[in-house]
């Protein structure tokens, strides 16, 4: 049984650990935002913010290999405590305007361009959110699988196509001043994937 003097000490130690973890996660999020987003700080400070974000990960064990038990233990604690999401006091950034285009190739040499189609505004919003998630996914095999699922849904509407190229990019919109000067939006390719559906069979409900 714990003595009365030890219990407050245990609570204090737990509070310190919890507070330090929250502080490190918050600082990491803040430094990451400063280094990647438009702020009133000069761009010359971006390396400082990057370094600060890296330093805050060291005490949390996030610079160790993924199989390291210390990193796994700390990561599990952060997730169980709900700390991993951070507590940054900034409005969320407006996401980039992403766009995906499908190039359909047919055995006779024909090609077609197909854009995603949705049947409602809510579906369009969910699809735009999905594109945000796809582009933010750093694990390449998972990102490829997500894009392939989108390409497969397009192929089901065009089963005679044997190959589909999915091109995912970002639409760079002009500033108000540039728009007044006649500048239009530009398309910047981020990822391109080729999928072969020649051996696939369309599914029927």
N, C-alpha and C. Protein backbone atom coordinates (compact mmCIF):
# COMPACT_ATOMS: atom_id res chain seq x y z
N UNK A 1 0.84 -1.19 0.00
CA UNK A 1 0.00 0.00 0.00
C UNK A 1 0.89 1.25 0.00
N UNK A 2 0.56 2.23 -0.88
CA UNK A 2 1.36 3.44 -0.98
C UNK A 2 1.17 4.31 0.25
N UNK A 3 2.25 4.87 0.73
CA UNK A 3 2.17 5.81 1.82
C UNK A 3 1.58 7.12 1.32
N UNK A 4 1.03 7.89 2.23
CA UNK A 4 0.35 9.12 1.84
C UNK A 4 1.28 10.11 1.16
N UNK A 5 2.57 10.07 1.51
CA UNK A 5 3.52 11.00 0.92
C UNK A 5 3.93 10.62 -0.49
N UNK A 6 3.82 9.32 -0.81
CA UNK A 6 4.25 8.87 -2.12
C UNK A 6 3.20 9.10 -3.20
N UNK A 7 1.95 9.08 -2.82
CA UNK A 7 0.89 9.24 -3.81
C UNK A 7 0.94 10.60 -4.49
N UNK A 8 1.05 11.72 -3.74
CA UNK A 8 1.19 13.02 -4.41
C UNK A 8 2.41 13.09 -5.31
N UNK A 9 3.53 12.45 -4.89
CA UNK A 9 4.74 12.45 -5.71
C UNK A 9 4.49 11.71 -7.02
N UNK A 10 3.76 10.60 -6.95
CA UNK A 10 3.45 9.84 -8.15
C UNK A 10 2.58 10.67 -9.09
N UNK A 11 1.59 11.36 -8.51
CA UNK A 11 0.71 12.20 -9.33
C UNK A 11 1.49 13.33 -9.98
N UNK A 12 2.42 13.90 -9.23
CA UNK A 12 3.24 14.99 -9.77
C UNK A 12 4.10 14.50 -10.92
N UNK A 13 4.69 13.30 -10.74
CA UNK A 13 5.52 12.74 -11.81
C UNK A 13 4.69 12.46 -13.07
N UNK A 14 3.49 11.92 -12.87
CA UNK A 14 2.61 11.64 -13.99
C UNK A 14 2.22 12.94 -14.70
N UNK A 15 1.93 13.98 -13.91
CA UNK A 15 1.57 15.28 -14.50
C UNK A 15 2.72 15.84 -15.33
N UNK A 16 3.95 15.72 -14.81
CA UNK A 16 5.11 16.25 -15.53
C UNK A 16 5.29 15.51 -16.85
N UNK A 17 5.19 14.18 -16.82
CA UNK A 17 5.33 13.39 -18.05
C UNK A 17 4.26 13.77 -19.06
N UNK A 18 3.02 13.87 -18.59
CA UNK A 18 1.92 14.22 -19.47
C UNK A 18 2.11 15.62 -20.06
N UNK A 19 2.48 16.56 -19.22
CA UNK A 19 2.66 17.93 -19.67
C UNK A 19 3.80 18.04 -20.68
N UNK A 20 4.91 17.36 -20.43
CA UNK A 20 6.05 17.42 -21.34
C UNK A 20 5.68 16.81 -22.70
N UNK A 21 4.96 15.71 -22.67
CA UNK A 21 4.54 15.09 -23.93
C UNK A 21 3.63 16.02 -24.74
N UNK A 22 2.68 16.64 -24.06
CA UNK A 22 1.78 17.58 -24.74
C UNK A 22 2.57 18.76 -25.30
N UNK A 23 3.50 19.28 -24.50
CA UNK A 23 4.29 20.42 -24.93
C UNK A 23 5.13 20.08 -26.16
N UNK A 24 5.77 18.91 -26.16
CA UNK A 24 6.61 18.51 -27.29
C UNK A 24 5.79 18.32 -28.56
N UNK A 25 4.62 17.69 -28.43
CA UNK A 25 3.77 17.47 -29.60
C UNK A 25 3.27 18.81 -30.15
N UNK A 26 2.89 19.71 -29.25
CA UNK A 26 2.41 21.03 -29.67
C UNK A 26 3.52 21.81 -30.39
N UNK A 27 4.71 21.79 -29.82
CA UNK A 27 5.82 22.51 -30.44
C UNK A 27 6.16 21.92 -31.79
N UNK A 28 6.10 20.59 -31.90
CA UNK A 28 6.38 19.95 -33.19
C UNK A 28 5.37 20.39 -34.24
N UNK A 29 4.08 20.43 -33.87
CA UNK A 29 3.06 20.86 -34.81
C UNK A 29 3.25 22.33 -35.19
N UNK A 30 3.58 23.17 -34.21
CA UNK A 30 3.75 24.60 -34.48
C UNK A 30 4.94 24.83 -35.40
N UNK A 31 6.07 24.18 -35.11
CA UNK A 31 7.25 24.35 -35.95
C UNK A 31 6.99 23.83 -37.36
N UNK A 32 6.25 22.72 -37.46
CA UNK A 32 5.95 22.16 -38.78
C UNK A 32 5.09 23.11 -39.60
N UNK A 33 4.11 23.74 -38.94
CA UNK A 33 3.26 24.71 -39.64
C UNK A 33 4.06 25.92 -40.07
N UNK A 34 4.93 26.42 -39.19
CA UNK A 34 5.75 27.58 -39.54
C UNK A 34 6.64 27.29 -40.74
N UNK A 35 7.13 26.05 -40.87
CA UNK A 35 8.08 25.74 -41.94
C UNK A 35 7.40 25.43 -43.26
N UNK A 36 6.12 25.10 -43.25
CA UNK A 36 5.46 24.69 -44.49
C UNK A 36 4.33 25.61 -44.90
N UNK A 37 3.93 26.56 -44.07
CA UNK A 37 2.79 27.41 -44.37
C UNK A 37 3.23 28.86 -44.49
N UNK A 38 2.34 29.64 -45.11
CA UNK A 38 2.62 31.06 -45.26
C UNK A 38 2.36 31.78 -43.94
N UNK A 39 3.41 32.37 -43.37
CA UNK A 39 3.30 33.13 -42.13
C UNK A 39 3.99 34.47 -42.33
N UNK A 40 3.92 35.32 -41.31
CA UNK A 40 4.59 36.62 -41.43
C UNK A 40 6.08 36.51 -41.16
N UNK A 41 6.56 35.30 -40.79
CA UNK A 41 7.99 35.10 -40.61
C UNK A 41 8.67 34.99 -41.97
N UNK A 42 9.89 35.48 -42.10
CA UNK A 42 10.61 35.35 -43.39
C UNK A 42 10.95 33.90 -43.70
N UNK A 43 11.04 33.59 -44.99
CA UNK A 43 11.34 32.22 -45.42
C UNK A 43 12.72 31.77 -44.95
N UNK A 44 13.59 32.72 -44.65
CA UNK A 44 14.94 32.35 -44.21
C UNK A 44 14.93 31.61 -42.88
N UNK A 45 13.81 31.71 -42.15
CA UNK A 45 13.70 31.00 -40.87
C UNK A 45 13.19 29.58 -41.02
N UNK A 46 12.81 29.17 -42.22
CA UNK A 46 12.27 27.82 -42.41
C UNK A 46 13.23 26.73 -41.93
N UNK A 47 14.55 26.83 -42.21
CA UNK A 47 15.45 25.80 -41.66
C UNK A 47 15.43 25.75 -40.14
N UNK A 48 15.22 26.89 -39.49
CA UNK A 48 15.15 26.91 -38.03
C UNK A 48 13.92 26.15 -37.54
N UNK A 49 12.78 26.40 -38.20
CA UNK A 49 11.56 25.69 -37.82
C UNK A 49 11.70 24.19 -38.09
N UNK A 50 12.32 23.84 -39.22
CA UNK A 50 12.52 22.41 -39.52
C UNK A 50 13.36 21.74 -38.44
N UNK A 51 14.43 22.43 -38.05
CA UNK A 51 15.30 21.86 -37.03
C UNK A 51 14.57 21.75 -35.70
N UNK A 52 13.76 22.77 -35.39
CA UNK A 52 12.99 22.71 -34.15
C UNK A 52 12.02 21.55 -34.14
N UNK A 53 11.36 21.30 -35.28
CA UNK A 53 10.44 20.17 -35.36
C UNK A 53 11.18 18.85 -35.18
N UNK A 54 12.38 18.74 -35.73
CA UNK A 54 13.16 17.51 -35.58
C UNK A 54 13.59 17.31 -34.13
N UNK A 55 13.99 18.39 -33.46
CA UNK A 55 14.47 18.28 -32.08
C UNK A 55 13.35 17.82 -31.15
N UNK A 56 12.13 18.30 -31.37
CA UNK A 56 11.02 17.92 -30.49
C UNK A 56 10.66 16.44 -30.63
N UNK A 57 11.05 15.82 -31.73
CA UNK A 57 10.76 14.40 -31.92
C UNK A 57 11.73 13.49 -31.18
N UNK A 58 12.90 14.01 -30.84
CA UNK A 58 13.92 13.17 -30.19
C UNK A 58 13.47 12.67 -28.83
N UNK A 59 13.00 13.54 -27.91
CA UNK A 59 12.56 13.02 -26.59
C UNK A 59 11.37 12.08 -26.69
N UNK A 60 10.58 12.21 -27.77
CA UNK A 60 9.42 11.34 -27.94
C UNK A 60 9.79 10.01 -28.60
N UNK A 61 11.06 9.85 -28.92
CA UNK A 61 11.51 8.59 -29.51
C UNK A 61 11.10 8.39 -30.95
N UNK A 62 10.60 9.46 -31.61
CA UNK A 62 10.11 9.29 -32.97
C UNK A 62 11.22 9.28 -34.01
N UNK A 63 12.46 9.52 -33.60
CA UNK A 63 13.59 9.41 -34.53
C UNK A 63 14.20 8.01 -34.52
N UNK A 64 13.74 7.16 -33.62
CA UNK A 64 14.23 5.78 -33.54
C UNK A 64 13.55 4.94 -34.62
N UNK A 65 14.12 3.78 -34.95
CA UNK A 65 13.45 2.90 -35.92
C UNK A 65 12.05 2.52 -35.48
N UNK A 66 11.17 2.27 -36.44
CA UNK A 66 9.78 1.97 -36.12
C UNK A 66 9.63 0.70 -35.27
N UNK A 67 10.60 -0.21 -35.38
CA UNK A 67 10.54 -1.45 -34.61
C UNK A 67 11.11 -1.30 -33.21
N UNK A 68 11.65 -0.14 -32.88
CA UNK A 68 12.25 0.06 -31.56
C UNK A 68 11.15 0.03 -30.49
N UNK A 69 11.34 -0.76 -29.42
CA UNK A 69 10.29 -0.86 -28.38
C UNK A 69 10.02 0.45 -27.66
N UNK A 70 11.05 1.29 -27.50
CA UNK A 70 10.84 2.59 -26.84
C UNK A 70 9.91 3.45 -27.68
N UNK A 71 10.17 3.53 -28.97
CA UNK A 71 9.31 4.32 -29.85
C UNK A 71 7.90 3.77 -29.86
N UNK A 72 7.76 2.46 -29.92
CA UNK A 72 6.43 1.86 -29.95
C UNK A 72 5.67 2.13 -28.65
N UNK A 73 6.39 2.08 -27.52
CA UNK A 73 5.74 2.33 -26.23
C UNK A 73 5.28 3.77 -26.13
N UNK A 74 6.16 4.71 -26.50
CA UNK A 74 5.79 6.12 -26.43
C UNK A 74 4.65 6.43 -27.39
N UNK A 75 4.71 5.87 -28.60
CA UNK A 75 3.65 6.11 -29.58
C UNK A 75 2.32 5.56 -29.08
N UNK A 76 2.35 4.39 -28.45
CA UNK A 76 1.12 3.82 -27.91
C UNK A 76 0.56 4.71 -26.80
N UNK A 77 1.43 5.24 -25.96
CA UNK A 77 0.96 6.13 -24.88
C UNK A 77 0.36 7.41 -25.45
N UNK A 78 1.02 7.99 -26.45
CA UNK A 78 0.52 9.22 -27.05
C UNK A 78 -0.86 9.01 -27.68
N UNK A 79 -1.04 7.85 -28.32
CA UNK A 79 -2.33 7.57 -28.94
C UNK A 79 -3.40 7.30 -27.89
N UNK A 80 -3.06 6.53 -26.86
CA UNK A 80 -4.04 6.23 -25.81
C UNK A 80 -4.45 7.49 -25.05
N UNK A 81 -3.51 8.40 -24.86
CA UNK A 81 -3.81 9.63 -24.14
C UNK A 81 -4.42 10.71 -25.03
N UNK A 82 -4.48 10.46 -26.35
CA UNK A 82 -5.04 11.45 -27.26
C UNK A 82 -4.13 12.63 -27.49
N UNK A 83 -2.83 12.44 -27.29
CA UNK A 83 -1.88 13.54 -27.42
C UNK A 83 -1.34 13.65 -28.84
N UNK A 84 -1.34 12.55 -29.57
CA UNK A 84 -0.66 12.53 -30.87
C UNK A 84 -1.24 13.54 -31.86
N UNK A 85 -2.50 13.97 -31.65
CA UNK A 85 -3.12 14.91 -32.57
C UNK A 85 -2.64 16.33 -32.34
N UNK A 86 -2.08 16.62 -31.19
CA UNK A 86 -1.58 17.96 -30.91
C UNK A 86 -2.67 18.89 -30.44
N UNK A 87 -2.25 20.00 -29.91
CA UNK A 87 -3.18 21.02 -29.40
C UNK A 87 -2.76 22.40 -29.90
N UNK A 88 -2.53 22.51 -31.20
CA UNK A 88 -2.08 23.77 -31.77
C UNK A 88 -3.24 24.75 -31.83
N UNK A 89 -2.94 26.00 -31.60
CA UNK A 89 -3.99 27.02 -31.55
C UNK A 89 -3.98 27.85 -32.83
N UNK A 90 -4.16 27.17 -33.94
CA UNK A 90 -4.21 27.83 -35.23
C UNK A 90 -5.40 27.27 -36.00
N UNK A 91 -6.02 28.13 -36.79
CA UNK A 91 -7.09 27.65 -37.66
C UNK A 91 -6.49 26.70 -38.68
N UNK A 92 -7.22 25.67 -39.09
CA UNK A 92 -6.68 24.73 -40.08
C UNK A 92 -6.37 25.42 -41.39
N UNK A 93 -5.30 24.99 -42.03
CA UNK A 93 -4.94 25.55 -43.33
C UNK A 93 -5.95 25.14 -44.38
N UNK A 94 -6.18 26.03 -45.31
CA UNK A 94 -7.04 25.67 -46.45
C UNK A 94 -6.28 24.68 -47.31
N UNK A 95 -6.84 23.50 -47.59
CA UNK A 95 -6.10 22.51 -48.35
C UNK A 95 -5.91 22.95 -49.80
N UNK A 96 -4.90 22.38 -50.42
CA UNK A 96 -4.68 22.64 -51.84
C UNK A 96 -5.84 22.10 -52.67
N UNK A 97 -5.95 22.63 -53.87
CA UNK A 97 -7.01 22.22 -54.78
C UNK A 97 -6.48 21.09 -55.65
N UNK A 98 -6.79 19.86 -55.26
CA UNK A 98 -6.27 18.71 -55.98
C UNK A 98 -7.25 18.25 -57.06
N UNK A 99 -6.70 17.64 -58.09
CA UNK A 99 -7.50 17.17 -59.21
C UNK A 99 -6.90 15.87 -59.73
N UNK A 100 -7.76 14.93 -60.10
CA UNK A 100 -7.31 13.67 -60.66
C UNK A 100 -7.96 13.47 -62.02
N UNK A 101 -7.16 13.05 -62.97
CA UNK A 101 -7.61 12.84 -64.34
C UNK A 101 -7.24 11.41 -64.73
N UNK A 102 -8.16 10.75 -65.44
CA UNK A 102 -7.92 9.38 -65.88
C UNK A 102 -7.79 9.35 -67.40
N UNK A 103 -6.70 8.75 -67.88
CA UNK A 103 -6.49 8.56 -69.31
C UNK A 103 -6.77 7.09 -69.62
N UNK A 104 -7.78 6.85 -70.43
CA UNK A 104 -8.20 5.49 -70.76
C UNK A 104 -7.60 5.09 -72.10
N UNK A 105 -7.00 3.90 -72.14
CA UNK A 105 -6.38 3.38 -73.36
C UNK A 105 -7.12 2.12 -73.79
N UNK A 106 -7.47 2.05 -75.09
CA UNK A 106 -8.22 0.93 -75.63
C UNK A 106 -7.32 0.09 -76.54
N UNK A 107 -7.66 -1.19 -76.71
CA UNK A 107 -6.83 -2.07 -77.54
C UNK A 107 -6.68 -1.59 -78.98
N UNK A 108 -7.67 -0.86 -79.50
CA UNK A 108 -7.59 -0.39 -80.90
C UNK A 108 -6.79 0.90 -81.04
N UNK A 109 -6.19 1.38 -79.95
CA UNK A 109 -5.37 2.57 -80.02
C UNK A 109 -6.06 3.84 -79.60
N UNK A 110 -7.36 3.80 -79.34
CA UNK A 110 -8.09 4.99 -78.93
C UNK A 110 -7.71 5.37 -77.48
N UNK A 111 -7.81 6.64 -77.20
CA UNK A 111 -7.61 7.14 -75.85
C UNK A 111 -8.75 8.10 -75.49
N UNK A 112 -9.11 8.11 -74.25
CA UNK A 112 -10.14 9.01 -73.76
C UNK A 112 -9.69 9.62 -72.44
N UNK A 113 -10.20 10.79 -72.16
CA UNK A 113 -9.94 11.46 -70.89
C UNK A 113 -11.23 11.42 -70.08
N UNK A 114 -11.12 10.94 -68.87
CA UNK A 114 -12.29 10.82 -68.00
C UNK A 114 -12.01 11.52 -66.68
N UNK A 115 -12.99 12.32 -66.24
CA UNK A 115 -12.91 12.97 -64.94
C UNK A 115 -13.85 12.27 -63.96
N UNK A 116 -13.54 12.31 -62.67
CA UNK A 116 -14.45 11.69 -61.69
C UNK A 116 -15.82 12.36 -61.73
N UNK A 117 -16.85 11.54 -61.54
CA UNK A 117 -18.22 12.05 -61.53
C UNK A 117 -18.89 11.67 -60.22
N UNK A 118 -19.60 12.63 -59.66
CA UNK A 118 -20.34 12.40 -58.42
C UNK A 118 -21.78 12.79 -58.66
N UNK A 119 -22.67 12.24 -57.84
CA UNK A 119 -24.10 12.45 -58.06
C UNK A 119 -24.72 13.45 -57.09
N UNK A 120 -23.91 14.07 -56.23
CA UNK A 120 -24.45 15.05 -55.30
C UNK A 120 -23.33 15.94 -54.79
N UNK A 121 -23.70 17.06 -54.21
CA UNK A 121 -22.70 17.97 -53.65
C UNK A 121 -21.98 17.34 -52.47
N UNK A 122 -22.73 16.61 -51.65
CA UNK A 122 -22.10 15.97 -50.50
C UNK A 122 -21.08 14.93 -50.94
N UNK A 123 -21.41 14.19 -52.00
CA UNK A 123 -20.45 13.21 -52.53
C UNK A 123 -19.22 13.92 -53.09
N UNK A 124 -19.43 15.08 -53.72
CA UNK A 124 -18.31 15.84 -54.23
C UNK A 124 -17.39 16.32 -53.12
N UNK A 125 -17.99 16.73 -52.00
CA UNK A 125 -17.19 17.16 -50.86
C UNK A 125 -16.39 16.01 -50.28
N UNK A 126 -17.04 14.85 -50.17
CA UNK A 126 -16.32 13.67 -49.66
C UNK A 126 -15.20 13.27 -50.60
N UNK A 127 -15.45 13.38 -51.91
CA UNK A 127 -14.41 13.01 -52.87
C UNK A 127 -13.22 13.97 -52.78
N UNK A 128 -13.51 15.27 -52.63
CA UNK A 128 -12.43 16.24 -52.48
C UNK A 128 -11.61 15.95 -51.22
N UNK A 129 -12.30 15.57 -50.15
CA UNK A 129 -11.60 15.22 -48.91
C UNK A 129 -10.74 13.97 -49.12
N UNK A 130 -11.27 13.02 -49.90
CA UNK A 130 -10.51 11.81 -50.20
C UNK A 130 -9.23 12.14 -50.96
N UNK A 131 -9.31 13.05 -51.93
CA UNK A 131 -8.11 13.44 -52.67
C UNK A 131 -7.09 14.09 -51.75
N UNK A 132 -7.58 14.87 -50.77
CA UNK A 132 -6.66 15.45 -49.79
C UNK A 132 -5.92 14.36 -49.03
N UNK A 133 -6.66 13.33 -48.61
CA UNK A 133 -6.05 12.23 -47.87
C UNK A 133 -5.06 11.45 -48.73
N UNK A 134 -5.42 11.27 -50.01
CA UNK A 134 -4.53 10.51 -50.90
C UNK A 134 -3.20 11.23 -51.06
N UNK A 135 -3.26 12.53 -51.32
CA UNK A 135 -2.02 13.28 -51.54
C UNK A 135 -1.20 13.44 -50.27
N UNK A 136 -1.85 13.40 -49.12
CA UNK A 136 -1.13 13.54 -47.85
C UNK A 136 -0.57 12.21 -47.35
N UNK A 137 -0.94 11.11 -47.99
CA UNK A 137 -0.45 9.79 -47.58
C UNK A 137 1.00 9.63 -48.00
N UNK A 138 1.87 9.44 -47.04
CA UNK A 138 3.30 9.32 -47.32
C UNK A 138 3.71 7.88 -47.65
N UNK A 139 2.89 6.91 -47.26
CA UNK A 139 3.23 5.51 -47.53
C UNK A 139 2.82 5.19 -48.97
N UNK A 140 3.81 5.07 -49.86
CA UNK A 140 3.55 4.96 -51.30
C UNK A 140 2.66 3.78 -51.68
N UNK A 141 2.87 2.57 -51.14
CA UNK A 141 1.98 1.45 -51.52
C UNK A 141 0.52 1.71 -51.18
N UNK A 142 0.25 2.34 -50.04
CA UNK A 142 -1.12 2.65 -49.67
C UNK A 142 -1.71 3.69 -50.62
N UNK A 143 -0.92 4.71 -50.96
CA UNK A 143 -1.40 5.73 -51.88
C UNK A 143 -1.70 5.12 -53.25
N UNK A 144 -0.84 4.22 -53.69
CA UNK A 144 -1.07 3.55 -54.98
C UNK A 144 -2.37 2.75 -54.96
N UNK A 145 -2.62 2.03 -53.86
CA UNK A 145 -3.83 1.22 -53.75
C UNK A 145 -5.07 2.11 -53.76
N UNK A 146 -5.02 3.25 -53.08
CA UNK A 146 -6.17 4.15 -53.05
C UNK A 146 -6.48 4.69 -54.45
N UNK A 147 -5.43 5.06 -55.19
CA UNK A 147 -5.64 5.57 -56.55
C UNK A 147 -6.14 4.44 -57.46
N UNK A 148 -5.64 3.23 -57.26
CA UNK A 148 -6.08 2.11 -58.09
C UNK A 148 -7.57 1.82 -57.88
N UNK A 149 -8.05 1.96 -56.65
CA UNK A 149 -9.47 1.76 -56.39
C UNK A 149 -10.31 2.79 -57.14
N UNK A 150 -9.83 4.03 -57.21
CA UNK A 150 -10.53 5.05 -57.99
C UNK A 150 -10.50 4.72 -59.48
N UNK A 151 -9.33 4.27 -59.94
CA UNK A 151 -9.22 3.91 -61.35
C UNK A 151 -10.10 2.71 -61.69
N UNK A 152 -10.22 1.79 -60.76
CA UNK A 152 -11.05 0.61 -61.01
C UNK A 152 -12.52 0.99 -61.15
N UNK A 153 -12.98 1.95 -60.34
CA UNK A 153 -14.37 2.39 -60.46
C UNK A 153 -14.62 3.04 -61.80
N UNK A 154 -13.62 3.74 -62.34
CA UNK A 154 -13.76 4.33 -63.68
C UNK A 154 -13.76 3.23 -64.73
N UNK A 155 -12.89 2.23 -64.55
CA UNK A 155 -12.82 1.14 -65.53
C UNK A 155 -14.12 0.36 -65.59
N UNK A 156 -14.82 0.24 -64.48
CA UNK A 156 -16.10 -0.48 -64.49
C UNK A 156 -17.11 0.19 -65.42
N UNK A 157 -17.01 1.50 -65.61
CA UNK A 157 -17.88 2.20 -66.56
C UNK A 157 -17.36 2.12 -67.98
N UNK A 158 -16.09 1.73 -68.14
CA UNK A 158 -15.47 1.60 -69.46
C UNK A 158 -14.71 0.28 -69.53
N UNK A 159 -15.42 -0.85 -69.45
CA UNK A 159 -14.73 -2.14 -69.35
C UNK A 159 -13.93 -2.55 -70.59
N UNK A 160 -14.17 -1.89 -71.72
CA UNK A 160 -13.40 -2.23 -72.92
C UNK A 160 -12.01 -1.62 -72.91
N UNK A 161 -11.75 -0.69 -72.01
CA UNK A 161 -10.40 -0.13 -71.87
C UNK A 161 -9.50 -1.16 -71.20
N UNK A 162 -8.28 -1.25 -71.67
CA UNK A 162 -7.37 -2.24 -71.09
C UNK A 162 -6.32 -1.61 -70.17
N UNK A 163 -6.12 -0.32 -70.29
CA UNK A 163 -5.16 0.37 -69.42
C UNK A 163 -5.71 1.72 -69.02
N UNK A 164 -5.36 2.14 -67.82
CA UNK A 164 -5.77 3.45 -67.32
C UNK A 164 -4.57 4.10 -66.65
N UNK A 165 -4.33 5.32 -67.02
CA UNK A 165 -3.32 6.12 -66.33
C UNK A 165 -4.04 7.15 -65.47
N UNK A 166 -3.72 7.17 -64.19
CA UNK A 166 -4.30 8.14 -63.26
C UNK A 166 -3.26 9.20 -62.95
N UNK A 167 -3.61 10.44 -63.23
CA UNK A 167 -2.70 11.56 -63.01
C UNK A 167 -3.29 12.45 -61.92
N UNK A 168 -2.60 12.52 -60.80
CA UNK A 168 -3.06 13.31 -59.67
C UNK A 168 -2.17 14.54 -59.54
N UNK A 169 -2.80 15.69 -59.49
CA UNK A 169 -2.03 16.92 -59.44
C UNK A 169 -2.70 17.98 -58.61
N UNK A 170 -2.04 19.11 -58.51
CA UNK A 170 -2.52 20.24 -57.74
C UNK A 170 -2.82 21.39 -58.68
N UNK A 171 -3.96 22.02 -58.48
CA UNK A 171 -4.34 23.17 -59.28
C UNK A 171 -3.90 24.43 -58.53
N UNK A 172 -2.96 25.14 -59.12
CA UNK A 172 -2.45 26.36 -58.52
C UNK A 172 -3.28 27.54 -59.01
N UNK A 173 -4.04 28.14 -58.10
CA UNK A 173 -4.90 29.25 -58.45
C UNK A 173 -4.14 30.57 -58.38
N UNK A 174 -4.42 31.49 -59.28
CA UNK A 174 -3.73 32.79 -59.25
C UNK A 174 -4.24 33.64 -58.09
N UNK A 175 -3.41 34.56 -57.67
CA UNK A 175 -3.82 35.52 -56.65
C UNK A 175 -4.79 36.52 -57.27
N UNK A 176 -5.53 37.28 -56.45
CA UNK A 176 -6.44 38.27 -57.03
C UNK A 176 -5.75 39.23 -58.00
N UNK A 177 -4.53 39.66 -57.65
CA UNK A 177 -3.80 40.58 -58.54
C UNK A 177 -3.45 39.90 -59.85
N UNK A 178 -3.02 38.63 -59.77
CA UNK A 178 -2.67 37.89 -60.99
C UNK A 178 -3.90 37.62 -61.84
N UNK A 179 -5.03 37.35 -61.16
CA UNK A 179 -6.27 37.10 -61.91
C UNK A 179 -6.70 38.34 -62.69
N UNK A 180 -6.54 39.52 -62.10
CA UNK A 180 -6.90 40.75 -62.80
C UNK A 180 -6.01 40.98 -64.01
N UNK A 181 -4.80 40.44 -63.96
CA UNK A 181 -3.89 40.57 -65.10
C UNK A 181 -4.13 39.50 -66.16
N UNK A 182 -5.11 38.63 -65.91
CA UNK A 182 -5.47 37.63 -66.91
C UNK A 182 -4.82 36.27 -66.72
N UNK A 183 -4.13 36.06 -65.62
CA UNK A 183 -3.50 34.77 -65.42
C UNK A 183 -4.55 33.73 -65.03
N UNK A 184 -4.43 32.54 -65.61
CA UNK A 184 -5.35 31.44 -65.33
C UNK A 184 -4.69 30.45 -64.37
N UNK A 185 -5.51 29.51 -63.89
CA UNK A 185 -4.96 28.49 -63.02
C UNK A 185 -4.03 27.57 -63.79
N UNK A 186 -3.09 26.99 -63.09
CA UNK A 186 -2.14 26.05 -63.70
C UNK A 186 -2.22 24.72 -62.98
N UNK A 187 -1.84 23.66 -63.68
CA UNK A 187 -1.94 22.30 -63.15
C UNK A 187 -0.55 21.74 -62.95
N UNK A 188 -0.26 21.29 -61.76
CA UNK A 188 1.05 20.74 -61.43
C UNK A 188 0.90 19.26 -61.08
N UNK A 189 1.54 18.40 -61.85
CA UNK A 189 1.44 16.95 -61.64
C UNK A 189 2.23 16.54 -60.41
N UNK A 190 1.57 15.79 -59.52
CA UNK A 190 2.22 15.28 -58.31
C UNK A 190 2.56 13.80 -58.43
N UNK A 191 1.59 12.99 -58.91
CA UNK A 191 1.79 11.55 -59.04
C UNK A 191 1.11 11.08 -60.32
N UNK A 192 1.65 10.05 -60.92
CA UNK A 192 1.05 9.41 -62.09
C UNK A 192 1.19 7.91 -61.94
N UNK A 193 0.10 7.18 -62.16
CA UNK A 193 0.09 5.73 -61.99
C UNK A 193 -0.51 5.09 -63.24
N UNK A 194 0.08 3.97 -63.66
CA UNK A 194 -0.42 3.20 -64.79
C UNK A 194 -0.96 1.87 -64.27
N UNK A 195 -2.20 1.56 -64.64
CA UNK A 195 -2.85 0.32 -64.21
C UNK A 195 -3.29 -0.46 -65.43
N UNK A 196 -3.01 -1.76 -65.40
CA UNK A 196 -3.36 -2.66 -66.50
C UNK A 196 -4.59 -3.48 -66.09
N UNK A 197 -5.70 -3.28 -66.81
CA UNK A 197 -6.94 -4.00 -66.54
C UNK A 197 -7.26 -4.99 -67.66
N UNK A 198 -6.27 -5.35 -68.46
CA UNK A 198 -6.54 -6.22 -69.60
C UNK A 198 -7.02 -7.61 -69.17
N UNK A 199 -6.58 -8.06 -67.97
CA UNK A 199 -6.99 -9.39 -67.50
C UNK A 199 -8.16 -9.34 -66.52
N UNK A 200 -8.65 -8.14 -66.26
CA UNK A 200 -9.74 -8.01 -65.28
C UNK A 200 -11.08 -8.25 -65.94
N UNK A 201 -12.04 -8.64 -65.13
CA UNK A 201 -13.41 -8.85 -65.59
C UNK A 201 -14.33 -7.88 -64.86
N UNK A 202 -15.18 -7.17 -65.59
CA UNK A 202 -16.10 -6.26 -64.90
C UNK A 202 -17.06 -6.98 -64.00
N UNK A 203 -17.31 -6.39 -62.85
CA UNK A 203 -18.26 -6.99 -61.90
C UNK A 203 -19.65 -6.49 -62.18
N UNK A 204 -20.63 -7.32 -61.94
CA UNK A 204 -22.02 -6.96 -62.18
C UNK A 204 -22.79 -7.09 -60.87
N UNK A 205 -23.67 -6.14 -60.58
CA UNK A 205 -24.44 -6.23 -59.34
C UNK A 205 -25.37 -7.40 -59.34
